[in-house]
Amino acid sequence: MERNEFNLLVSHAIEPFLCGTCTLVRVQGRHVTVALPEALVTAERGHRLLSLEKILRAGWHPQAEVFLEAKGDLNKLRIKLRGVTV
């Protein structure tokens, strides 16, 4: 499958299913990383990620995996920016 075909498949799988609340972050091989709003309850995020993974496995690759974008610890970043050492 060509890259353009894959991008079409992913965008058609993500956009209708998640109603525009999902952002595609990156695709590396069969790993798809997405970002979801932080306002979603953890259980709802998990449900959406698993459902998206099922869609991608059925329509693209049987071993596709969907990951949520990792968020850094903002407090640690702020401390580093201020130059404060603990």
C-alpha atoms as a PDB file:
ATOM      1  CA  MET A   1       0.000   0.000   0.000  1.00  0.00           C
ATOM      2  CA  GLU A   2       1.394   3.390  -0.967  1.00  0.00           C
ATOM      3  CA  ARG A   3       1.826   6.179   1.551  1.00  0.00           C
ATOM      4  CA  ASN A   4      -1.010   8.281   0.056  1.00  0.00           C
ATOM      5  CA  GLU A   5      -3.387   5.325   0.190  1.00  0.00           C
ATOM      6  CA  PHE A   6      -2.420   4.740   3.812  1.00  0.00           C
ATOM      7  CA  ASN A   7      -2.945   8.402   4.731  1.00  0.00           C
ATOM      8  CA  LEU A   8      -6.389   8.285   3.127  1.00  0.00           C
ATOM      9  CA  LEU A   9      -7.260   5.113   5.010  1.00  0.00           C
ATOM     10  CA  VAL A  10      -6.114   6.514   8.357  1.00  0.00           C
ATOM     11  CA  SER A  11      -7.883   9.846   7.873  1.00  0.00           C
ATOM     12  CA  HIS A  12     -11.092   8.092   6.790  1.00  0.00           C
ATOM     13  CA  ALA A  13     -10.878   5.712   9.750  1.00  0.00           C
ATOM     14  CA  ILE A  14     -10.097   8.363  12.361  1.00  0.00           C
ATOM     15  CA  GLU A  15     -12.171  11.387  11.366  1.00  0.00           C
ATOM     16  CA  PRO A  16     -15.651   9.827  11.094  1.00  0.00           C
ATOM     17  CA  PHE A  17     -15.155   7.568  14.096  1.00  0.00           C
ATOM     18  CA  LEU A  18     -13.840  10.163  16.550  1.00  0.00           C
ATOM     19  CA  CYS A  19     -15.899  13.090  15.215  1.00  0.00           C
ATOM     20  CA  GLY A  20     -12.869  15.339  14.690  1.00  0.00           C
ATOM     21  CA  THR A  21     -11.621  15.109  18.293  1.00  0.00           C
ATOM     22  CA  CYS A  22      -8.554  13.064  17.349  1.00  0.00           C
ATOM     23  CA  THR A  23      -5.322  14.354  15.857  1.00  0.00           C
ATOM     24  CA  LEU A  24      -2.953  12.066  14.004  1.00  0.00           C
ATOM     25  CA  VAL A  25       0.519  12.657  15.465  1.00  0.00           C
ATOM     26  CA  ARG A  26       2.645  10.144  13.554  1.00  0.00           C
ATOM     27  CA  VAL A  27       2.728   6.807  11.811  1.00  0.00           C
ATOM     28  CA  GLN A  28       5.793   4.585  12.176  1.00  0.00           C
ATOM     29  CA  GLY A  29       5.414   1.260  10.453  1.00  0.00           C
ATOM     30  CA  ARG A  30       2.281  -0.294  11.920  1.00  0.00           C
ATOM     31  CA  HIS A  31       2.270   2.004  14.976  1.00  0.00           C
ATOM     32  CA  VAL A  32      -0.171   4.914  14.851  1.00  0.00           C
ATOM     33  CA  THR A  33       0.135   7.655  17.482  1.00  0.00           C
ATOM     34  CA  VAL A  34      -2.838   9.952  18.074  1.00  0.00           C
ATOM     35  CA  ALA A  35      -3.696  12.813  20.426  1.00  0.00           C
ATOM     36  CA  LEU A  36      -7.062  13.054  22.185  1.00  0.00           C
ATOM     37  CA  PRO A  37      -8.511  15.917  24.238  1.00  0.00           C
ATOM     38  CA  GLU A  38      -7.475  15.814  27.889  1.00  0.00           C
ATOM     39  CA  ALA A  39     -11.068  16.536  28.901  1.00  0.00           C
ATOM     40  CA  LEU A  40     -12.090  12.987  27.978  1.00  0.00           C
ATOM     41  CA  VAL A  41     -12.481  10.564  30.863  1.00  0.00           C
ATOM     42  CA  THR A  42      -9.766   7.884  30.903  1.00  0.00           C
ATOM     43  CA  ALA A  43     -12.261   5.109  30.205  1.00  0.00           C
ATOM     44  CA  GLU A  44     -13.615   6.965  27.152  1.00  0.00           C
ATOM     45  CA  ARG A  45     -10.100   7.556  25.808  1.00  0.00           C
ATOM     46  CA  GLY A  46      -9.324   3.856  26.190  1.00  0.00           C
ATOM     47  CA  HIS A  47     -12.548   2.872  24.440  1.00  0.00           C
ATOM     48  CA  ARG A  48     -11.841   5.215  21.513  1.00  0.00           C
ATOM     49  CA  LEU A  49      -8.253   4.020  21.122  1.00  0.00           C
ATOM     50  CA  LEU A  50      -9.232   0.340  21.161  1.00  0.00           C
ATOM     51  CA  SER A  51     -12.076   0.932  18.714  1.00  0.00           C
ATOM     52  CA  LEU A  52      -9.772   2.814  16.354  1.00  0.00           C
ATOM     53  CA  GLU A  53      -7.234  -0.008  16.597  1.00  0.00           C
ATOM     54  CA  LYS A  54      -9.911  -2.536  15.613  1.00  0.00           C
ATOM     55  CA  ILE A  55     -10.870  -0.426  12.594  1.00  0.00           C
ATOM     56  CA  LEU A  56      -7.242  -0.119  11.465  1.00  0.00           C
ATOM     57  CA  ARG A  57      -6.621  -3.846  11.940  1.00  0.00           C
ATOM     58  CA  ALA A  58      -9.663  -4.698   9.835  1.00  0.00           C
ATOM     59  CA  GLY A  59      -8.945  -2.216   7.052  1.00  0.00           C
ATOM     60  CA  TRP A  60      -5.186  -1.781   6.951  1.00  0.00           C
ATOM     61  CA  HIS A  61      -2.870  -4.131   8.863  1.00  0.00           C
ATOM     62  CA  PRO A  62      -3.796  -7.063  11.128  1.00  0.00           C
ATOM     63  CA  GLN A  63      -1.069  -6.084  13.619  1.00  0.00           C
ATOM     64  CA  ALA A  64      -1.741  -2.322  13.703  1.00  0.00           C
ATOM     65  CA  GLU A  65      -1.303  -0.688  17.108  1.00  0.00           C
ATOM     66  CA  VAL A  66      -2.688   2.658  18.270  1.00  0.00           C
ATOM     67  CA  PHE A  67      -0.901   4.696  20.945  1.00  0.00           C
ATOM     68  CA  LEU A  68      -1.856   7.855  22.793  1.00  0.00           C
ATOM     69  CA  GLU A  69       0.653  10.695  22.543  1.00  0.00           C
ATOM     70  CA  ALA A  70       2.754  10.856  25.707  1.00  0.00           C
ATOM     71  CA  LYS A  71       2.553  14.037  27.749  1.00  0.00           C
ATOM     72  CA  GLY A  72       5.555  15.264  29.694  1.00  0.00           C
ATOM     73  CA  ASP A  73       5.461  16.290  33.333  1.00  0.00           C
ATOM     74  CA  LEU A  74       4.986  20.066  33.125  1.00  0.00           C
ATOM     75  CA  ASN A  75       6.150  20.685  36.704  1.00  0.00           C
ATOM     76  CA  LYS A  76       9.541  19.115  35.976  1.00  0.00           C
ATOM     77  CA  LEU A  77       9.826  21.166  32.788  1.00  0.00           C
ATOM     78  CA  ARG A  78       9.030  24.393  34.656  1.00  0.00           C
ATOM     79  CA  ILE A  79      11.682  23.643  37.274  1.00  0.00           C
ATOM     80  CA  LYS A  80      14.296  23.037  34.576  1.00  0.00           C
ATOM     81  CA  LEU A  81      13.388  26.282  32.820  1.00  0.00           C
ATOM     82  CA  ARG A  82      13.750  28.289  36.033  1.00  0.00           C
ATOM     83  CA  GLY A  83      17.084  26.709  36.817  1.00  0.00           C
ATOM     84  CA  VAL A  84      15.937  25.518  40.218  1.00  0.00           C
ATOM     85  CA  THR A  85      17.719  22.476  41.560  1.00  0.00           C
ATOM     86  CA  VAL A  86      16.221  20.235  44.202  1.00  0.00           C
END
